[in-house]
Amino acid sequence: MKKRLLVVEDNFRLLQAINVCLSKSGFEVMTARDGNAALERIAETIPDLIVSDIMMPGMDGFSLAAQVRANPRTDLIPIVFLTAKETRQDRIAGFKVGIDAYLVKPFEPDELVAAIENILSRVSRTHRRVARTSNENNQTAPVTRKSAPVSDLTEAEERVANLVAKSLSNKEIAAQLNISVRTVEMHISNILSKKNWSNRVEIARFVIERDSAK
């Protein structure tokens, strides 16, 4: 499955150029012209990584990054700043709001692709390590200490959880399962309540760890 990227850039020609570059590199690309539009896209579909300019009309890159990090549903999405702002203070401000990489314009396309691939590779390694550790813990744990059984989720909740783990948005899940977005939200709320979790990331982690242990 292609990794899904969200590119946020107010310069249309540059936005198109980045879109073409990343698409040719094998990524699925979504685009937005400012921070507000980016949040709307994220509400529809969770990207695997965000590439954002800083200086944009309306909501700038700093505010966008801060909002992404403040939302439990999106706080783990890697963020790359691609900007003409190159001072030390700008870089520090970017890292303080939680970005993962800072590239300065003008940039080389292969540098951007390399940075993205490196970050996504690191995320994948982390997921595998978490899954492996969980599997090892499950194998060595006393029989009396069982995790919450899979059976405490209904079949419908299982289907929703599996699609959440694939980073599908509520709208995409609703379309795939032929149910309403409100029903998807209800199932997710039930899963979080049953498992005593707080966000979708924990649902995704649960599914990944469970499947890797099979």
N, C-alpha and C. Protein backbone atom coordinates (compact mmCIF):
# COMPACT_ATOMS: atom_id res chain seq x y z
N MET A 1 0.84 -1.20 0.00
CA MET A 1 0.00 0.00 0.00
C MET A 1 0.87 1.25 0.00
N LYS A 2 0.54 2.20 -0.88
CA LYS A 2 1.31 3.43 -0.95
C LYS A 2 1.16 4.25 0.33
N LYS A 3 2.23 4.89 0.74
CA LYS A 3 2.16 5.81 1.86
C LYS A 3 1.48 7.10 1.40
N ARG A 4 0.61 7.61 2.26
CA ARG A 4 -0.18 8.79 1.92
C ARG A 4 0.45 10.04 2.54
N LEU A 5 0.77 11.03 1.70
CA LEU A 5 1.38 12.27 2.16
C LEU A 5 0.42 13.43 1.96
N LEU A 6 0.47 14.39 2.87
CA LEU A 6 -0.27 15.64 2.72
C LEU A 6 0.74 16.76 2.54
N VAL A 7 0.67 17.45 1.40
CA VAL A 7 1.57 18.56 1.11
C VAL A 7 0.80 19.86 1.26
N VAL A 8 1.31 20.76 2.09
CA VAL A 8 0.63 22.03 2.37
C VAL A 8 1.52 23.17 1.89
N GLU A 9 1.08 23.87 0.86
CA GLU A 9 1.91 24.91 0.23
C GLU A 9 1.00 25.90 -0.48
N ASP A 10 1.17 27.22 -0.20
CA ASP A 10 0.29 28.21 -0.81
C ASP A 10 0.69 28.58 -2.23
N ASN A 11 1.94 28.33 -2.62
CA ASN A 11 2.39 28.61 -3.99
C ASN A 11 1.94 27.46 -4.89
N PHE A 12 0.98 27.75 -5.77
CA PHE A 12 0.35 26.69 -6.56
C PHE A 12 1.35 25.95 -7.44
N ARG A 13 2.23 26.69 -8.11
CA ARG A 13 3.18 26.05 -9.02
C ARG A 13 4.13 25.13 -8.25
N LEU A 14 4.59 25.60 -7.09
CA LEU A 14 5.48 24.77 -6.28
C LEU A 14 4.73 23.56 -5.73
N LEU A 15 3.48 23.78 -5.33
CA LEU A 15 2.66 22.68 -4.83
C LEU A 15 2.52 21.59 -5.88
N GLN A 16 2.26 22.01 -7.13
CA GLN A 16 2.13 21.04 -8.22
C GLN A 16 3.44 20.31 -8.48
N ALA A 17 4.55 21.05 -8.41
CA ALA A 17 5.86 20.44 -8.65
C ALA A 17 6.18 19.39 -7.59
N ILE A 18 5.87 19.72 -6.33
CA ILE A 18 6.11 18.76 -5.25
C ILE A 18 5.21 17.54 -5.41
N ASN A 19 3.97 17.80 -5.80
CA ASN A 19 3.01 16.72 -6.03
C ASN A 19 3.54 15.74 -7.07
N VAL A 20 4.01 16.27 -8.19
CA VAL A 20 4.54 15.42 -9.26
C VAL A 20 5.76 14.64 -8.78
N CYS A 21 6.66 15.34 -8.08
CA CYS A 21 7.89 14.71 -7.58
C CYS A 21 7.58 13.54 -6.66
N LEU A 22 6.69 13.76 -5.71
CA LEU A 22 6.39 12.72 -4.73
C LEU A 22 5.56 11.59 -5.33
N SER A 23 4.67 11.94 -6.26
CA SER A 23 3.88 10.91 -6.94
C SER A 23 4.77 9.98 -7.75
N LYS A 24 5.76 10.56 -8.44
CA LYS A 24 6.70 9.76 -9.22
C LYS A 24 7.55 8.87 -8.32
N SER A 25 7.70 9.28 -7.06
CA SER A 25 8.50 8.50 -6.11
C SER A 25 7.68 7.41 -5.42
N GLY A 26 6.42 7.26 -5.85
CA GLY A 26 5.61 6.16 -5.35
C GLY A 26 4.68 6.48 -4.20
N PHE A 27 4.50 7.77 -3.90
CA PHE A 27 3.61 8.15 -2.80
C PHE A 27 2.24 8.55 -3.32
N GLU A 28 1.23 8.37 -2.48
CA GLU A 28 -0.09 8.94 -2.74
C GLU A 28 -0.10 10.33 -2.12
N VAL A 29 -0.45 11.35 -2.90
CA VAL A 29 -0.30 12.73 -2.44
C VAL A 29 -1.65 13.44 -2.34
N MET A 30 -1.90 14.04 -1.19
CA MET A 30 -3.02 14.96 -1.01
C MET A 30 -2.43 16.36 -0.91
N THR A 31 -3.19 17.38 -1.26
CA THR A 31 -2.66 18.75 -1.21
C THR A 31 -3.62 19.70 -0.51
N ALA A 32 -3.04 20.78 0.02
CA ALA A 32 -3.82 21.86 0.65
C ALA A 32 -3.03 23.15 0.48
N ARG A 33 -3.74 24.29 0.42
CA ARG A 33 -3.08 25.57 0.16
C ARG A 33 -2.79 26.36 1.43
N ASP A 34 -3.31 25.93 2.58
CA ASP A 34 -3.02 26.61 3.85
C ASP A 34 -3.35 25.67 5.00
N GLY A 35 -3.07 26.12 6.21
CA GLY A 35 -3.25 25.28 7.38
C GLY A 35 -4.70 24.87 7.61
N ASN A 36 -5.63 25.79 7.40
CA ASN A 36 -7.03 25.46 7.61
C ASN A 36 -7.51 24.38 6.65
N ALA A 37 -7.12 24.53 5.38
CA ALA A 37 -7.48 23.52 4.39
C ALA A 37 -6.83 22.18 4.73
N ALA A 38 -5.61 22.24 5.27
CA ALA A 38 -4.91 21.01 5.65
C ALA A 38 -5.67 20.27 6.74
N LEU A 39 -6.15 20.99 7.74
CA LEU A 39 -6.90 20.35 8.83
C LEU A 39 -8.18 19.71 8.31
N GLU A 40 -8.80 20.34 7.31
CA GLU A 40 -10.00 19.76 6.71
C GLU A 40 -9.67 18.45 6.01
N ARG A 41 -8.54 18.42 5.30
CA ARG A 41 -8.13 17.19 4.62
C ARG A 41 -7.80 16.09 5.64
N ILE A 42 -7.13 16.49 6.72
CA ILE A 42 -6.76 15.51 7.75
C ILE A 42 -8.01 14.94 8.42
N ALA A 43 -9.04 15.77 8.59
CA ALA A 43 -10.28 15.29 9.20
C ALA A 43 -10.94 14.22 8.34
N GLU A 44 -10.72 14.30 7.03
CA GLU A 44 -11.29 13.32 6.11
C GLU A 44 -10.43 12.07 6.01
N THR A 45 -9.11 12.27 5.92
CA THR A 45 -8.17 11.16 5.71
C THR A 45 -6.88 11.43 6.46
N ILE A 46 -6.47 10.51 7.31
CA ILE A 46 -5.23 10.66 8.07
C ILE A 46 -4.04 10.34 7.18
N PRO A 47 -3.12 11.29 6.97
CA PRO A 47 -1.94 10.99 6.15
C PRO A 47 -0.87 10.28 6.98
N ASP A 48 0.06 9.63 6.28
CA ASP A 48 1.19 9.00 6.96
C ASP A 48 2.26 10.03 7.32
N LEU A 49 2.27 11.16 6.61
CA LEU A 49 3.27 12.21 6.86
C LEU A 49 2.78 13.51 6.25
N ILE A 50 3.16 14.62 6.87
CA ILE A 50 2.79 15.96 6.39
C ILE A 50 4.04 16.72 5.98
N VAL A 51 4.00 17.31 4.78
CA VAL A 51 5.05 18.24 4.33
C VAL A 51 4.40 19.61 4.26
N SER A 52 4.93 20.58 5.00
CA SER A 52 4.25 21.88 5.08
C SER A 52 5.20 23.05 4.96
N ASP A 53 4.74 24.06 4.25
CA ASP A 53 5.39 25.37 4.25
C ASP A 53 5.10 26.02 5.61
N ILE A 54 5.82 27.08 5.92
CA ILE A 54 5.54 27.83 7.16
C ILE A 54 4.71 29.07 6.87
N MET A 55 5.18 29.89 5.94
CA MET A 55 4.52 31.16 5.66
C MET A 55 3.36 30.95 4.69
N MET A 56 2.14 30.98 5.22
CA MET A 56 0.94 30.79 4.41
C MET A 56 -0.15 31.71 4.92
N PRO A 57 -1.09 32.10 4.06
CA PRO A 57 -2.20 32.94 4.52
C PRO A 57 -3.08 32.16 5.48
N GLY A 58 -3.77 32.87 6.35
CA GLY A 58 -4.62 32.18 7.32
C GLY A 58 -3.78 31.49 8.37
N MET A 59 -3.90 30.19 8.48
CA MET A 59 -3.12 29.42 9.45
C MET A 59 -1.76 29.06 8.88
N ASP A 60 -0.68 29.47 9.57
CA ASP A 60 0.66 29.16 9.07
C ASP A 60 1.11 27.77 9.51
N GLY A 61 2.32 27.40 9.09
CA GLY A 61 2.83 26.07 9.38
C GLY A 61 3.02 25.79 10.86
N PHE A 62 3.47 26.79 11.61
CA PHE A 62 3.66 26.60 13.05
C PHE A 62 2.34 26.26 13.73
N SER A 63 1.29 27.00 13.39
CA SER A 63 -0.03 26.76 14.00
C SER A 63 -0.59 25.41 13.58
N LEU A 64 -0.37 25.06 12.31
CA LEU A 64 -0.82 23.76 11.82
C LEU A 64 -0.15 22.63 12.60
N ALA A 65 1.17 22.72 12.74
CA ALA A 65 1.90 21.68 13.46
C ALA A 65 1.44 21.58 14.91
N ALA A 66 1.21 22.73 15.54
CA ALA A 66 0.76 22.74 16.93
C ALA A 66 -0.60 22.05 17.07
N GLN A 67 -1.51 22.32 16.13
CA GLN A 67 -2.83 21.70 16.21
C GLN A 67 -2.77 20.20 15.94
N VAL A 68 -1.92 19.80 15.02
CA VAL A 68 -1.75 18.36 14.74
C VAL A 68 -1.23 17.65 15.98
N ARG A 69 -0.25 18.25 16.65
CA ARG A 69 0.34 17.63 17.84
C ARG A 69 -0.62 17.65 19.03
N ALA A 70 -1.56 18.58 19.05
CA ALA A 70 -2.47 18.70 20.19
C ALA A 70 -3.66 17.74 20.10
N ASN A 71 -3.84 17.13 18.94
CA ASN A 71 -4.98 16.24 18.73
C ASN A 71 -4.54 14.79 18.89
N PRO A 72 -5.10 14.04 19.84
CA PRO A 72 -4.70 12.64 20.04
C PRO A 72 -4.86 11.78 18.80
N ARG A 73 -5.75 12.19 17.92
CA ARG A 73 -5.99 11.42 16.68
C ARG A 73 -4.86 11.59 15.68
N THR A 74 -4.11 12.71 15.80
CA THR A 74 -3.09 13.02 14.78
C THR A 74 -1.71 13.27 15.36
N ASP A 75 -1.56 13.15 16.68
CA ASP A 75 -0.33 13.63 17.31
C ASP A 75 0.93 12.86 16.93
N LEU A 76 0.78 11.67 16.33
CA LEU A 76 1.96 10.89 15.95
C LEU A 76 2.33 11.03 14.47
N ILE A 77 1.59 11.84 13.73
CA ILE A 77 1.90 12.02 12.30
C ILE A 77 3.22 12.78 12.16
N PRO A 78 4.20 12.23 11.43
CA PRO A 78 5.46 12.97 11.21
C PRO A 78 5.20 14.23 10.39
N ILE A 79 5.96 15.28 10.69
CA ILE A 79 5.81 16.56 9.99
C ILE A 79 7.17 17.03 9.49
N VAL A 80 7.22 17.41 8.21
CA VAL A 80 8.42 17.99 7.62
C VAL A 80 8.11 19.42 7.21
N PHE A 81 8.90 20.37 7.69
CA PHE A 81 8.77 21.75 7.24
C PHE A 81 9.64 21.95 6.00
N LEU A 82 9.04 22.54 4.97
CA LEU A 82 9.75 22.86 3.73
C LEU A 82 9.51 24.35 3.50
N THR A 83 10.51 25.18 3.78
CA THR A 83 10.26 26.61 3.90
C THR A 83 11.46 27.47 3.50
N ALA A 84 11.17 28.73 3.19
CA ALA A 84 12.24 29.69 2.89
C ALA A 84 12.79 30.32 4.17
N LYS A 85 12.12 30.10 5.29
CA LYS A 85 12.58 30.65 6.56
C LYS A 85 13.75 29.81 7.06
N GLU A 86 14.93 30.40 7.11
CA GLU A 86 16.13 29.60 7.37
C GLU A 86 16.93 30.04 8.59
N THR A 87 16.39 30.91 9.42
CA THR A 87 17.15 31.35 10.59
C THR A 87 17.15 30.27 11.67
N ARG A 88 18.11 30.38 12.56
CA ARG A 88 18.22 29.43 13.67
C ARG A 88 16.96 29.48 14.53
N GLN A 89 16.43 30.69 14.73
CA GLN A 89 15.23 30.85 15.55
C GLN A 89 14.03 30.12 14.93
N ASP A 90 13.94 30.19 13.59
CA ASP A 90 12.85 29.50 12.90
C ASP A 90 12.95 27.99 13.08
N ARG A 91 14.17 27.48 12.94
CA ARG A 91 14.37 26.04 13.11
C ARG A 91 14.00 25.59 14.52
N ILE A 92 14.46 26.37 15.50
CA ILE A 92 14.16 26.03 16.90
C ILE A 92 12.65 26.06 17.14
N ALA A 93 12.00 27.09 16.59
CA ALA A 93 10.54 27.19 16.76
C ALA A 93 9.84 25.99 16.15
N GLY A 94 10.35 25.54 15.00
CA GLY A 94 9.76 24.37 14.35
C GLY A 94 9.90 23.12 15.18
N PHE A 95 11.10 22.89 15.68
CA PHE A 95 11.31 21.68 16.48
C PHE A 95 10.57 21.75 17.81
N LYS A 96 10.35 22.95 18.33
CA LYS A 96 9.60 23.09 19.58
C LYS A 96 8.14 22.70 19.42
N VAL A 97 7.58 22.89 18.21
CA VAL A 97 6.18 22.48 18.01
C VAL A 97 6.09 21.01 17.58
N GLY A 98 7.25 20.36 17.48
CA GLY A 98 7.23 18.91 17.28
C GLY A 98 7.44 18.40 15.87
N ILE A 99 8.06 19.21 14.98
CA ILE A 99 8.30 18.69 13.63
C ILE A 99 9.43 17.67 13.65
N ASP A 100 9.52 16.89 12.58
CA ASP A 100 10.52 15.82 12.50
C ASP A 100 11.70 16.18 11.61
N ALA A 101 11.51 17.10 10.67
CA ALA A 101 12.61 17.52 9.79
C ALA A 101 12.34 18.93 9.29
N TYR A 102 13.42 19.64 8.94
CA TYR A 102 13.32 21.04 8.53
C TYR A 102 14.18 21.21 7.28
N LEU A 103 13.55 21.40 6.13
CA LEU A 103 14.28 21.60 4.87
C LEU A 103 14.05 23.02 4.38
N VAL A 104 15.11 23.62 3.85
CA VAL A 104 15.05 25.02 3.42
C VAL A 104 14.94 25.11 1.90
N LYS A 105 14.05 25.99 1.42
CA LYS A 105 13.94 26.28 -0.01
C LYS A 105 15.08 27.22 -0.42
N PRO A 106 15.58 27.14 -1.65
CA PRO A 106 15.27 26.09 -2.63
C PRO A 106 15.85 24.76 -2.20
N PHE A 107 15.20 23.69 -2.58
CA PHE A 107 15.60 22.36 -2.14
C PHE A 107 15.76 21.44 -3.35
N GLU A 108 16.49 20.36 -3.14
CA GLU A 108 16.62 19.34 -4.18
C GLU A 108 15.52 18.29 -3.97
N PRO A 109 14.79 17.94 -5.02
CA PRO A 109 13.71 16.96 -4.87
C PRO A 109 14.16 15.65 -4.22
N ASP A 110 15.36 15.18 -4.60
CA ASP A 110 15.81 13.91 -4.02
C ASP A 110 16.11 14.04 -2.53
N GLU A 111 16.45 15.26 -2.08
CA GLU A 111 16.67 15.48 -0.65
C GLU A 111 15.35 15.36 0.11
N LEU A 112 14.28 15.93 -0.46
CA LEU A 112 12.96 15.83 0.17
C LEU A 112 12.50 14.38 0.23
N VAL A 113 12.64 13.67 -0.88
CA VAL A 113 12.23 12.27 -0.92
C VAL A 113 13.02 11.44 0.09
N ALA A 114 14.33 11.68 0.16
CA ALA A 114 15.18 10.94 1.09
C ALA A 114 14.76 11.19 2.53
N ALA A 115 14.45 12.46 2.86
CA ALA A 115 14.03 12.80 4.22
C ALA A 115 12.72 12.09 4.57
N ILE A 116 11.78 12.10 3.63
CA ILE A 116 10.49 11.45 3.86
C ILE A 116 10.66 9.94 4.04
N GLU A 117 11.43 9.33 3.15
CA GLU A 117 11.64 7.88 3.24
C GLU A 117 12.33 7.49 4.54
N ASN A 118 13.27 8.32 4.98
CA ASN A 118 13.98 8.03 6.22
C ASN A 118 13.03 8.08 7.42
N ILE A 119 12.18 9.09 7.46
CA ILE A 119 11.23 9.23 8.57
C ILE A 119 10.23 8.07 8.58
N LEU A 120 9.68 7.75 7.40
CA LEU A 120 8.70 6.66 7.33
C LEU A 120 9.33 5.32 7.67
N SER A 121 10.59 5.14 7.28
CA SER A 121 11.30 3.91 7.63
C SER A 121 11.48 3.80 9.14
N ARG A 122 11.80 4.92 9.77
CA ARG A 122 11.96 4.92 11.23
C ARG A 122 10.64 4.60 11.93
N VAL A 123 9.55 5.16 11.41
CA VAL A 123 8.24 4.88 11.99
C VAL A 123 7.91 3.39 11.87
N SER A 124 8.20 2.81 10.70
CA SER A 124 7.93 1.39 10.49
C SER A 124 8.75 0.52 11.44
N ARG A 125 10.02 0.89 11.62
CA ARG A 125 10.87 0.13 12.54
C ARG A 125 10.33 0.20 13.97
N THR A 126 9.85 1.38 14.34
CA THR A 126 9.29 1.55 15.68
C THR A 126 8.06 0.67 15.87
N HIS A 127 7.18 0.64 14.85
CA HIS A 127 5.98 -0.18 14.93
C HIS A 127 6.34 -1.66 15.06
N ARG A 128 7.34 -2.09 14.28
CA ARG A 128 7.75 -3.50 14.35
C ARG A 128 8.34 -3.83 15.71
N ARG A 129 9.11 -2.88 16.25
CA ARG A 129 9.74 -3.11 17.55
C ARG A 129 8.67 -3.22 18.65
N VAL A 130 7.68 -2.33 18.58
CA VAL A 130 6.59 -2.37 19.56
C VAL A 130 5.84 -3.70 19.46
N ALA A 131 5.57 -4.11 18.22
CA ALA A 131 4.85 -5.37 18.02
C ALA A 131 5.66 -6.56 18.52
N ARG A 132 6.98 -6.54 18.24
CA ARG A 132 7.83 -7.65 18.67
C ARG A 132 7.92 -7.72 20.19
N THR A 133 8.07 -6.55 20.81
CA THR A 133 8.15 -6.51 22.28
C THR A 133 6.86 -7.00 22.91
N SER A 134 5.74 -6.58 22.32
CA SER A 134 4.45 -7.02 22.84
C SER A 134 4.30 -8.53 22.71
N ASN A 135 4.75 -9.06 21.57
CA ASN A 135 4.65 -10.50 21.35
C ASN A 135 5.50 -11.27 22.35
N GLU A 136 6.71 -10.76 22.60
CA GLU A 136 7.60 -11.41 23.57
C GLU A 136 7.01 -11.36 24.97
N ASN A 137 6.40 -10.22 25.30
CA ASN A 137 5.78 -10.09 26.62
C ASN A 137 4.61 -11.06 26.78
N ASN A 138 3.85 -11.21 25.68
CA ASN A 138 2.70 -12.12 25.74
C ASN A 138 3.15 -13.56 25.92
N GLN A 139 4.30 -13.91 25.31
CA GLN A 139 4.79 -15.28 25.40
C GLN A 139 5.34 -15.61 26.79
N THR A 140 5.88 -14.59 27.46
CA THR A 140 6.50 -14.83 28.77
C THR A 140 5.59 -14.49 29.93
N ALA A 141 4.47 -13.86 29.67
CA ALA A 141 3.58 -13.44 30.75
C ALA A 141 2.89 -14.64 31.38
N PRO A 142 2.62 -14.60 32.70
CA PRO A 142 1.90 -15.69 33.36
C PRO A 142 0.52 -15.85 32.75
N VAL A 143 0.01 -17.07 32.79
CA VAL A 143 -1.29 -17.35 32.19
C VAL A 143 -2.38 -16.53 32.86
N THR A 144 -2.18 -16.19 34.12
CA THR A 144 -3.22 -15.47 34.86
C THR A 144 -3.31 -14.02 34.46
N ARG A 145 -2.32 -13.53 33.70
CA ARG A 145 -2.34 -12.12 33.29
C ARG A 145 -2.62 -12.05 31.80
N LYS A 146 -3.88 -12.08 31.46
CA LYS A 146 -4.27 -12.06 30.05
C LYS A 146 -4.68 -10.66 29.64
N SER A 147 -4.33 -10.32 28.38
CA SER A 147 -4.80 -9.06 27.84
C SER A 147 -6.30 -9.20 27.59
N ALA A 148 -6.93 -8.06 27.40
CA ALA A 148 -8.36 -8.10 27.10
C ALA A 148 -8.58 -8.93 25.85
N PRO A 149 -9.44 -9.93 25.88
CA PRO A 149 -9.61 -10.82 24.73
C PRO A 149 -10.18 -10.08 23.54
N VAL A 150 -9.85 -10.61 22.35
CA VAL A 150 -10.37 -10.00 21.14
C VAL A 150 -11.88 -10.09 21.13
N SER A 151 -12.43 -11.14 21.76
CA SER A 151 -13.87 -11.40 21.72
C SER A 151 -14.69 -10.32 22.42
N ASP A 152 -14.05 -9.41 23.14
CA ASP A 152 -14.84 -8.37 23.79
C ASP A 152 -15.26 -7.30 22.79
N LEU A 153 -14.81 -7.41 21.54
CA LEU A 153 -15.26 -6.53 20.47
C LEU A 153 -16.26 -7.29 19.61
N THR A 154 -17.29 -6.59 19.16
CA THR A 154 -18.24 -7.22 18.25
C THR A 154 -17.61 -7.36 16.88
N GLU A 155 -18.26 -8.14 16.00
CA GLU A 155 -17.74 -8.31 14.64
C GLU A 155 -17.65 -6.96 13.93
N ALA A 156 -18.64 -6.12 14.11
CA ALA A 156 -18.65 -4.80 13.48
C ALA A 156 -17.50 -3.95 14.00
N GLU A 157 -17.26 -4.01 15.32
CA GLU A 157 -16.16 -3.24 15.91
C GLU A 157 -14.82 -3.76 15.43
N GLU A 158 -14.71 -5.08 15.24
CA GLU A 158 -13.48 -5.67 14.71
C GLU A 158 -13.19 -5.13 13.31
N ARG A 159 -14.23 -5.09 12.48
CA ARG A 159 -14.04 -4.59 11.11
C ARG A 159 -13.59 -3.14 11.12
N VAL A 160 -14.21 -2.34 11.97
CA VAL A 160 -13.83 -0.93 12.06
C VAL A 160 -12.40 -0.79 12.57
N ALA A 161 -12.04 -1.56 13.59
CA ALA A 161 -10.69 -1.49 14.16
C ALA A 161 -9.64 -1.84 13.12
N ASN A 162 -9.91 -2.86 12.30
CA ASN A 162 -8.95 -3.26 11.27
C ASN A 162 -8.73 -2.15 10.25
N LEU A 163 -9.78 -1.40 9.93
CA LEU A 163 -9.65 -0.31 8.96
C LEU A 163 -9.00 0.92 9.59
N VAL A 164 -9.24 1.13 10.87
CA VAL A 164 -8.54 2.21 11.58
C VAL A 164 -7.04 1.96 11.53
N ALA A 165 -6.65 0.70 11.69
CA ALA A 165 -5.22 0.33 11.66
C ALA A 165 -4.60 0.57 10.30
N LYS A 166 -5.44 0.64 9.26
CA LYS A 166 -4.95 0.92 7.91
C LYS A 166 -4.96 2.42 7.61
N SER A 167 -5.20 3.23 8.64
CA SER A 167 -5.18 4.70 8.56
C SER A 167 -6.31 5.26 7.70
N LEU A 168 -7.41 4.54 7.59
CA LEU A 168 -8.56 5.08 6.87
C LEU A 168 -9.30 6.07 7.76
N SER A 169 -9.85 7.09 7.15
CA SER A 169 -10.65 8.07 7.90
C SER A 169 -12.02 7.48 8.19
N ASN A 170 -12.76 8.14 9.07
CA ASN A 170 -14.12 7.67 9.37
C ASN A 170 -14.98 7.64 8.11
N LYS A 171 -14.80 8.63 7.26
CA LYS A 171 -15.57 8.70 6.02
C LYS A 171 -15.23 7.53 5.10
N GLU A 172 -13.94 7.20 5.01
CA GLU A 172 -13.52 6.08 4.16
C GLU A 172 -14.01 4.75 4.73
N ILE A 173 -13.95 4.62 6.05
CA ILE A 173 -14.44 3.39 6.69
C ILE A 173 -15.93 3.22 6.43
N ALA A 174 -16.68 4.33 6.57
CA ALA A 174 -18.12 4.28 6.35
C ALA A 174 -18.43 3.82 4.92
N ALA A 175 -17.69 4.36 3.96
CA ALA A 175 -17.92 4.00 2.56
C ALA A 175 -17.59 2.53 2.31
N GLN A 176 -16.51 2.06 2.89
CA GLN A 176 -16.07 0.68 2.66
C GLN A 176 -17.02 -0.33 3.30
N LEU A 177 -17.56 0.02 4.47
CA LEU A 177 -18.45 -0.91 5.18
C LEU A 177 -19.92 -0.65 4.89
N ASN A 178 -20.18 0.39 4.08
CA ASN A 178 -21.55 0.74 3.70
C ASN A 178 -22.40 1.07 4.93
N ILE A 179 -21.82 1.89 5.81
CA ILE A 179 -22.53 2.36 6.99
C ILE A 179 -22.34 3.87 7.09
N SER A 180 -23.02 4.51 8.01
CA SER A 180 -22.90 5.96 8.16
C SER A 180 -21.65 6.33 8.95
N VAL A 181 -21.18 7.56 8.74
CA VAL A 181 -20.04 8.06 9.51
C VAL A 181 -20.37 8.05 10.99
N ARG A 182 -21.61 8.38 11.32
CA ARG A 182 -22.02 8.39 12.73
C ARG A 182 -21.90 6.99 13.34
N THR A 183 -22.24 5.97 12.56
CA THR A 183 -22.12 4.60 13.06
C THR A 183 -20.66 4.23 13.29
N VAL A 184 -19.79 4.68 12.38
CA VAL A 184 -18.35 4.44 12.56
C VAL A 184 -17.88 5.10 13.85
N GLU A 185 -18.29 6.34 14.06
CA GLU A 185 -17.90 7.06 15.28
C GLU A 185 -18.39 6.32 16.52
N MET A 186 -19.59 5.76 16.44
CA MET A 186 -20.15 5.02 17.58
C MET A 186 -19.31 3.77 17.87
N HIS A 187 -18.93 3.05 16.81
CA HIS A 187 -18.12 1.84 17.00
C HIS A 187 -16.76 2.19 17.61
N ILE A 188 -16.14 3.26 17.10
CA ILE A 188 -14.83 3.67 17.63
C ILE A 188 -14.96 4.07 19.09
N SER A 189 -16.01 4.79 19.41
CA SER A 189 -16.25 5.19 20.80
C SER A 189 -16.42 3.96 21.69
N ASN A 190 -17.14 2.95 21.20
CA ASN A 190 -17.34 1.72 21.97
C ASN A 190 -16.02 0.98 22.19
N ILE A 191 -15.19 0.93 21.14
CA ILE A 191 -13.89 0.26 21.25
C ILE A 191 -13.03 0.95 22.30
N LEU A 192 -12.96 2.28 22.22
CA LEU A 192 -12.15 3.04 23.17
C LEU A 192 -12.64 2.82 24.60
N SER A 193 -13.96 2.77 24.76
CA SER A 193 -14.54 2.58 26.09
C SER A 193 -14.24 1.18 26.63
N LYS A 194 -14.41 0.16 25.78
CA LYS A 194 -14.16 -1.22 26.22
C LYS A 194 -12.70 -1.45 26.60
N LYS A 195 -11.81 -0.85 25.84
CA LYS A 195 -10.38 -1.07 26.05
C LYS A 195 -9.75 -0.05 26.99
N ASN A 196 -10.56 0.95 27.39
CA ASN A 196 -10.04 2.02 28.24
C ASN A 196 -8.89 2.76 27.56
N TRP A 197 -9.09 3.05 26.26
CA TRP A 197 -8.11 3.79 25.48
C TRP A 197 -8.61 5.21 25.25
N SER A 198 -7.72 6.05 24.72
CA SER A 198 -8.10 7.45 24.54
C SER A 198 -8.11 7.91 23.09
N ASN A 199 -7.50 7.15 22.16
CA ASN A 199 -7.44 7.63 20.78
C ASN A 199 -7.28 6.49 19.78
N ARG A 200 -7.39 6.85 18.49
CA ARG A 200 -7.32 5.88 17.39
C ARG A 200 -5.95 5.22 17.29
N VAL A 201 -4.90 5.94 17.68
CA VAL A 201 -3.56 5.38 17.60
C VAL A 201 -3.47 4.09 18.41
N GLU A 202 -4.11 4.07 19.57
CA GLU A 202 -4.08 2.88 20.42
C GLU A 202 -4.86 1.73 19.78
N ILE A 203 -5.92 2.05 19.04
CA ILE A 203 -6.64 1.01 18.31
C ILE A 203 -5.73 0.40 17.25
N ALA A 204 -5.06 1.26 16.48
CA ALA A 204 -4.17 0.79 15.43
C ALA A 204 -3.04 -0.06 16.01
N ARG A 205 -2.46 0.39 17.11
CA ARG A 205 -1.37 -0.35 17.74
C ARG A 205 -1.85 -1.73 18.20
N PHE A 206 -3.05 -1.77 18.77
CA PHE A 206 -3.62 -3.04 19.23
C PHE A 206 -3.76 -4.03 18.08
N VAL A 207 -4.29 -3.57 16.96
CA VAL A 207 -4.50 -4.46 15.81
C VAL A 207 -3.17 -4.95 15.26
N ILE A 208 -2.19 -4.04 15.14
CA ILE A 208 -0.87 -4.41 14.62
C ILE A 208 -0.21 -5.44 15.52
N GLU A 209 -0.24 -5.19 16.83
CA GLU A 209 0.38 -6.12 17.78
C GLU A 209 -0.34 -7.47 17.79
N ARG A 210 -1.65 -7.44 17.74
CA ARG A 210 -2.42 -8.68 17.76
C ARG A 210 -2.14 -9.52 16.52
N ASP A 211 -2.13 -8.86 15.35
CA ASP A 211 -1.92 -9.60 14.11
C ASP A 211 -0.50 -10.16 14.02
N SER A 212 0.47 -9.41 14.56
CA SER A 212 1.86 -9.88 14.50
C SER A 212 2.09 -11.07 15.43
N ALA A 213 1.22 -11.23 16.42
CA ALA A 213 1.37 -12.32 17.38
C ALA A 213 0.73 -13.62 16.90
N LYS A 214 0.00 -13.53 15.79
CA LYS A 214 -0.69 -14.72 15.30
C LYS A 214 0.31 -15.69 14.67
